[in-house]
Amino acid sequence: MTSNRLSALVAGLAVVATLGACADMTPREHSTAVGAGIGAAAGAVLTGSPEGAVAGAAVGGVVGNQVKR
């Protein structure tokens, strides 16, 4: 695993950990946060770049938001 890929993965996991601390979220907000975190991690792993992590977070957040619609 390259350092860029590892950095992007760590950043994605940090987002998940940070957002997981919000206990008073609605179910829809929770799904959005989880989707963004999973998307960031997946984007980082699949592309190996911070840009991939950001794009994955955006797509995952939108998908997570729509799940509880």
Protein backbone atom coordinates (compact mmCIF):
# COMPACT_ATOMS: atom_id res chain seq x y z
CA MET A 1 0.00 0.00 0.00
CA THR A 2 1.46 3.33 -1.04
CA SER A 3 1.66 6.26 1.34
CA ASN A 4 -0.90 8.23 -0.70
CA ARG A 5 -3.39 5.38 -0.53
CA LEU A 6 -2.78 4.94 3.18
CA SER A 7 -3.20 8.67 3.79
CA ALA A 8 -6.47 8.75 1.90
CA LEU A 9 -7.75 5.71 3.77
CA VAL A 10 -6.81 7.22 7.13
CA ALA A 11 -8.55 10.47 6.17
CA GLY A 12 -11.70 8.57 5.23
CA LEU A 13 -11.66 6.63 8.49
CA ALA A 14 -11.15 9.86 10.42
CA VAL A 15 -14.29 11.25 8.79
CA VAL A 16 -16.24 8.15 9.82
CA ALA A 17 -14.96 8.36 13.40
CA THR A 18 -15.72 12.07 13.64
CA LEU A 19 -19.22 11.77 12.27
CA GLY A 20 -19.92 8.70 14.37
CA ALA A 21 -19.66 10.84 17.48
CA CYS A 22 -22.87 12.70 16.65
CA ALA A 23 -25.40 10.80 18.75
CA ASP A 24 -28.35 13.12 18.17
CA MET A 25 -28.57 12.67 14.40
CA THR A 26 -31.79 11.78 12.67
CA PRO A 27 -31.82 8.44 10.84
CA ARG A 28 -31.45 10.25 7.51
CA GLU A 29 -28.48 12.29 8.72
CA HIS A 30 -26.91 9.13 10.11
CA SER A 31 -27.32 7.33 6.78
CA THR A 32 -25.78 10.30 4.97
CA ALA A 33 -22.78 10.33 7.29
CA VAL A 34 -22.26 6.59 7.07
CA GLY A 35 -22.56 6.69 3.29
CA ALA A 36 -20.01 9.49 3.09
CA GLY A 37 -17.57 7.63 5.30
CA ILE A 38 -17.90 4.36 3.44
CA GLY A 39 -17.68 6.19 0.12
CA ALA A 40 -14.52 8.01 1.20
CA ALA A 41 -12.86 4.78 2.28
CA ALA A 42 -13.91 2.99 -0.89
CA GLY A 43 -12.80 5.88 -3.10
CA ALA A 44 -9.43 5.97 -1.37
CA VAL A 45 -8.89 2.26 -1.77
CA LEU A 46 -10.09 2.07 -5.36
CA THR A 47 -8.26 5.11 -6.71
CA GLY A 48 -5.40 5.53 -4.29
CA SER A 49 -5.75 9.29 -4.34
CA PRO A 50 -7.25 11.96 -2.08
CA GLU A 51 -9.41 13.10 -4.98
CA GLY A 52 -10.90 9.61 -5.18
CA ALA A 53 -11.67 9.75 -1.47
CA VAL A 54 -13.45 13.09 -1.86
CA ALA A 55 -15.44 11.85 -4.84
CA GLY A 56 -16.33 8.65 -3.00
CA ALA A 57 -17.48 10.64 0.02
CA ALA A 58 -19.70 12.83 -2.16
CA VAL A 59 -21.30 9.88 -3.94
CA GLY A 60 -21.65 7.88 -0.73
CA GLY A 61 -23.26 10.83 1.05
CA VAL A 62 -25.83 11.27 -1.70
CA VAL A 63 -26.64 7.55 -1.75
CA GLY A 64 -26.88 7.44 2.05
CA ASN A 65 -29.15 10.46 2.03
CA GLN A 66 -31.51 8.86 -0.46
CA VAL A 67 -31.73 5.55 1.43
CA LYS A 68 -33.87 7.07 4.21
CA ARG A 69 -36.02 9.10 1.86
